[in-house]
Amino acid sequence: MAYKITEECINCGACEPECPNQAISAGDTIYIIEPEKCTECVGSYDESQCKAVCPVDACVPDPDKVESREELEAKYKKLHG
């Protein structure tokens, strides 16, 4: 399941450099996560780094983007070769 950034985002930018897939970028008012690139950090870390560093808990699983661990691993391999 890809993560998303909620409206609670304070636009601090702490999450962007932590994403191993470069899925996070600045939006107009909050940061956004490209679901096509988000692997919940599967393949890189044991936990989602955006969630780990967010000071306001604005990085949450997106219930509209449910994926199995196998699908996340395949996405990671596609992104990183």
N, C-alpha and C. Protein backbone atom coordinates (compact mmCIF):
# COMPACT_ATOMS: atom_id res chain seq x y z
N MET A 1 0.85 -1.16 0.00
CA MET A 1 0.00 0.00 0.00
C MET A 1 0.90 1.22 0.00
N ALA A 2 0.68 2.09 -0.92
CA ALA A 2 1.45 3.32 -0.96
C ALA A 2 1.06 4.21 0.22
N TYR A 3 1.96 5.07 0.59
CA TYR A 3 1.66 6.05 1.61
C TYR A 3 1.13 7.31 0.93
N LYS A 4 0.49 8.14 1.71
CA LYS A 4 0.04 9.45 1.26
C LYS A 4 0.34 10.46 2.36
N ILE A 5 0.34 11.71 1.99
CA ILE A 5 0.58 12.78 2.95
C ILE A 5 -0.72 13.53 3.12
N THR A 6 -1.15 13.66 4.36
CA THR A 6 -2.44 14.29 4.65
C THR A 6 -2.31 15.80 4.77
N GLU A 7 -3.44 16.44 4.92
CA GLU A 7 -3.50 17.89 5.06
C GLU A 7 -2.82 18.40 6.34
N GLU A 8 -2.50 17.49 7.26
CA GLU A 8 -1.79 17.89 8.47
C GLU A 8 -0.34 18.28 8.18
N CYS A 9 0.14 18.00 6.98
CA CYS A 9 1.51 18.32 6.58
C CYS A 9 1.80 19.80 6.84
N ILE A 10 2.96 20.05 7.48
CA ILE A 10 3.37 21.43 7.76
C ILE A 10 4.40 21.93 6.75
N ASN A 11 4.60 21.14 5.69
CA ASN A 11 5.48 21.55 4.59
C ASN A 11 6.92 21.74 5.04
N CYS A 12 7.37 20.90 5.98
CA CYS A 12 8.73 21.05 6.52
C CYS A 12 9.79 20.44 5.61
N GLY A 13 9.40 19.45 4.81
CA GLY A 13 10.34 18.83 3.89
C GLY A 13 11.21 17.74 4.47
N ALA A 14 10.98 17.35 5.71
CA ALA A 14 11.82 16.32 6.34
C ALA A 14 11.73 14.99 5.60
N CYS A 15 10.59 14.69 5.01
CA CYS A 15 10.37 13.40 4.38
C CYS A 15 11.06 13.25 3.02
N GLU A 16 11.15 14.31 2.27
CA GLU A 16 11.63 14.22 0.88
C GLU A 16 13.00 13.56 0.74
N PRO A 17 14.02 14.00 1.48
CA PRO A 17 15.34 13.37 1.29
C PRO A 17 15.43 11.94 1.84
N GLU A 18 14.47 11.53 2.66
CA GLU A 18 14.50 10.20 3.26
C GLU A 18 13.95 9.12 2.34
N CYS A 19 13.21 9.50 1.31
CA CYS A 19 12.56 8.52 0.43
C CYS A 19 13.58 7.88 -0.51
N PRO A 20 13.77 6.55 -0.41
CA PRO A 20 14.75 5.89 -1.28
C PRO A 20 14.32 5.79 -2.73
N ASN A 21 13.06 6.07 -3.02
CA ASN A 21 12.54 5.96 -4.39
C ASN A 21 12.28 7.31 -5.03
N GLN A 22 12.61 8.38 -4.35
CA GLN A 22 12.36 9.74 -4.83
C GLN A 22 10.90 9.92 -5.21
N ALA A 23 10.00 9.38 -4.38
CA ALA A 23 8.56 9.45 -4.63
C ALA A 23 7.92 10.69 -4.03
N ILE A 24 8.66 11.42 -3.21
CA ILE A 24 8.08 12.57 -2.50
C ILE A 24 8.60 13.86 -3.13
N SER A 25 7.65 14.79 -3.34
CA SER A 25 8.03 16.10 -3.88
C SER A 25 7.12 17.17 -3.29
N ALA A 26 7.55 18.40 -3.42
CA ALA A 26 6.77 19.52 -2.90
C ALA A 26 5.56 19.77 -3.80
N GLY A 27 4.39 19.85 -3.19
CA GLY A 27 3.19 20.24 -3.90
C GLY A 27 2.95 21.72 -3.70
N ASP A 28 1.76 22.18 -4.04
CA ASP A 28 1.46 23.61 -3.88
C ASP A 28 1.46 24.04 -2.41
N THR A 29 0.85 23.24 -1.54
CA THR A 29 0.77 23.63 -0.13
C THR A 29 1.33 22.56 0.81
N ILE A 30 1.38 21.30 0.36
CA ILE A 30 1.92 20.21 1.16
C ILE A 30 2.76 19.32 0.25
N TYR A 31 3.56 18.47 0.86
CA TYR A 31 4.32 17.51 0.08
C TYR A 31 3.40 16.40 -0.41
N ILE A 32 3.77 15.78 -1.53
CA ILE A 32 2.95 14.71 -2.10
C ILE A 32 3.82 13.48 -2.36
N ILE A 33 3.17 12.33 -2.38
CA ILE A 33 3.85 11.07 -2.67
C ILE A 33 3.27 10.49 -3.95
N GLU A 34 4.13 10.17 -4.91
CA GLU A 34 3.70 9.51 -6.14
C GLU A 34 3.49 8.03 -5.84
N PRO A 35 2.25 7.55 -5.88
CA PRO A 35 2.00 6.16 -5.51
C PRO A 35 2.70 5.15 -6.42
N GLU A 36 2.99 5.52 -7.65
CA GLU A 36 3.68 4.61 -8.57
C GLU A 36 5.11 4.33 -8.13
N LYS A 37 5.67 5.22 -7.32
CA LYS A 37 7.05 5.06 -6.85
C LYS A 37 7.15 4.62 -5.40
N CYS A 38 6.06 4.71 -4.65
CA CYS A 38 6.10 4.38 -3.23
C CYS A 38 6.04 2.87 -3.02
N THR A 39 7.04 2.36 -2.30
CA THR A 39 7.09 0.93 -1.97
C THR A 39 7.01 0.73 -0.46
N GLU A 40 6.59 1.75 0.28
CA GLU A 40 6.59 1.71 1.74
C GLU A 40 7.99 1.43 2.26
N CYS A 41 8.98 1.73 1.47
CA CYS A 41 10.40 1.51 1.76
C CYS A 41 10.78 0.03 1.74
N VAL A 42 9.88 -0.84 1.28
CA VAL A 42 10.23 -2.25 1.09
C VAL A 42 11.38 -2.31 0.10
N GLY A 43 12.39 -3.07 0.42
CA GLY A 43 13.59 -3.17 -0.41
C GLY A 43 14.72 -2.29 0.07
N SER A 44 14.40 -1.31 0.92
CA SER A 44 15.42 -0.40 1.42
C SER A 44 15.51 -0.37 2.94
N TYR A 45 14.37 -0.32 3.60
CA TYR A 45 14.33 -0.18 5.06
C TYR A 45 13.26 -1.10 5.65
N ASP A 46 13.30 -1.27 6.95
CA ASP A 46 12.31 -2.10 7.65
C ASP A 46 11.02 -1.34 7.94
N GLU A 47 11.06 -0.01 7.85
CA GLU A 47 9.87 0.79 8.07
C GLU A 47 9.85 1.97 7.11
N SER A 48 8.68 2.52 6.90
CA SER A 48 8.55 3.67 6.00
C SER A 48 9.25 4.88 6.59
N GLN A 49 10.22 5.39 5.86
CA GLN A 49 11.03 6.48 6.37
C GLN A 49 10.26 7.79 6.47
N CYS A 50 9.33 8.03 5.55
CA CYS A 50 8.56 9.28 5.62
C CYS A 50 7.78 9.33 6.93
N LYS A 51 7.16 8.21 7.28
CA LYS A 51 6.40 8.15 8.54
C LYS A 51 7.33 8.32 9.74
N ALA A 52 8.50 7.71 9.67
CA ALA A 52 9.44 7.76 10.78
C ALA A 52 9.94 9.17 11.09
N VAL A 53 10.09 10.01 10.06
CA VAL A 53 10.65 11.35 10.28
C VAL A 53 9.61 12.46 10.34
N CYS A 54 8.37 12.17 9.99
CA CYS A 54 7.35 13.22 9.97
C CYS A 54 7.03 13.70 11.38
N PRO A 55 7.22 15.00 11.66
CA PRO A 55 6.99 15.51 13.01
C PRO A 55 5.51 15.64 13.38
N VAL A 56 4.61 15.54 12.40
CA VAL A 56 3.18 15.71 12.70
C VAL A 56 2.35 14.49 12.29
N ASP A 57 2.99 13.40 12.00
CA ASP A 57 2.30 12.16 11.61
C ASP A 57 1.36 12.34 10.42
N ALA A 58 1.83 13.08 9.41
CA ALA A 58 1.02 13.32 8.21
C ALA A 58 1.23 12.25 7.14
N CYS A 59 2.20 11.37 7.31
CA CYS A 59 2.45 10.30 6.34
C CYS A 59 1.75 9.04 6.82
N VAL A 60 0.74 8.63 6.05
CA VAL A 60 -0.10 7.51 6.47
C VAL A 60 -0.32 6.56 5.29
N PRO A 61 -0.62 5.29 5.56
CA PRO A 61 -0.95 4.36 4.48
C PRO A 61 -2.19 4.84 3.73
N ASP A 62 -2.16 4.72 2.42
CA ASP A 62 -3.30 5.11 1.59
C ASP A 62 -4.20 3.90 1.37
N PRO A 63 -5.39 3.88 1.95
CA PRO A 63 -6.26 2.72 1.83
C PRO A 63 -6.75 2.48 0.40
N ASP A 64 -6.59 3.47 -0.47
CA ASP A 64 -6.98 3.32 -1.88
C ASP A 64 -5.88 2.69 -2.73
N LYS A 65 -4.71 2.47 -2.15
CA LYS A 65 -3.55 1.95 -2.89
C LYS A 65 -2.99 0.71 -2.20
N VAL A 66 -3.80 -0.29 -1.98
CA VAL A 66 -3.40 -1.50 -1.27
C VAL A 66 -2.55 -2.40 -2.19
N GLU A 67 -1.37 -2.80 -1.68
CA GLU A 67 -0.48 -3.69 -2.42
C GLU A 67 0.12 -4.70 -1.44
N SER A 68 0.35 -5.90 -1.93
CA SER A 68 0.99 -6.93 -1.11
C SER A 68 2.48 -6.66 -1.01
N ARG A 69 3.13 -7.32 -0.08
CA ARG A 69 4.59 -7.19 0.05
C ARG A 69 5.28 -7.61 -1.25
N GLU A 70 4.78 -8.66 -1.88
CA GLU A 70 5.36 -9.13 -3.15
C GLU A 70 5.23 -8.06 -4.24
N GLU A 71 4.09 -7.40 -4.29
CA GLU A 71 3.90 -6.33 -5.27
C GLU A 71 4.84 -5.16 -4.99
N LEU A 72 5.02 -4.83 -3.72
CA LEU A 72 5.93 -3.74 -3.34
C LEU A 72 7.36 -4.10 -3.70
N GLU A 73 7.77 -5.35 -3.46
CA GLU A 73 9.12 -5.80 -3.82
C GLU A 73 9.33 -5.73 -5.33
N ALA A 74 8.32 -6.14 -6.09
CA ALA A 74 8.42 -6.09 -7.56
C ALA A 74 8.54 -4.64 -8.03
N LYS A 75 7.78 -3.74 -7.41
CA LYS A 75 7.85 -2.33 -7.78
C LYS A 75 9.24 -1.78 -7.48
N TYR A 76 9.79 -2.14 -6.31
CA TYR A 76 11.13 -1.70 -5.94
C TYR A 76 12.16 -2.18 -6.97
N LYS A 77 12.06 -3.44 -7.36
CA LYS A 77 13.01 -3.99 -8.35
C LYS A 77 12.87 -3.29 -9.70
N LYS A 78 11.65 -2.96 -10.08
CA LYS A 78 11.43 -2.24 -11.34
C LYS A 78 12.05 -0.84 -11.29
N LEU A 79 11.93 -0.18 -10.13
CA LEU A 79 12.47 1.17 -9.99
C LEU A 79 13.99 1.19 -9.91
N HIS A 80 14.58 0.14 -9.32
CA HIS A 80 16.02 0.15 -9.04
C HIS A 80 16.82 -0.88 -9.84
N GLY A 81 16.15 -1.64 -10.66
CA GLY A 81 16.85 -2.60 -11.52
C GLY A 81 17.36 -3.84 -10.87
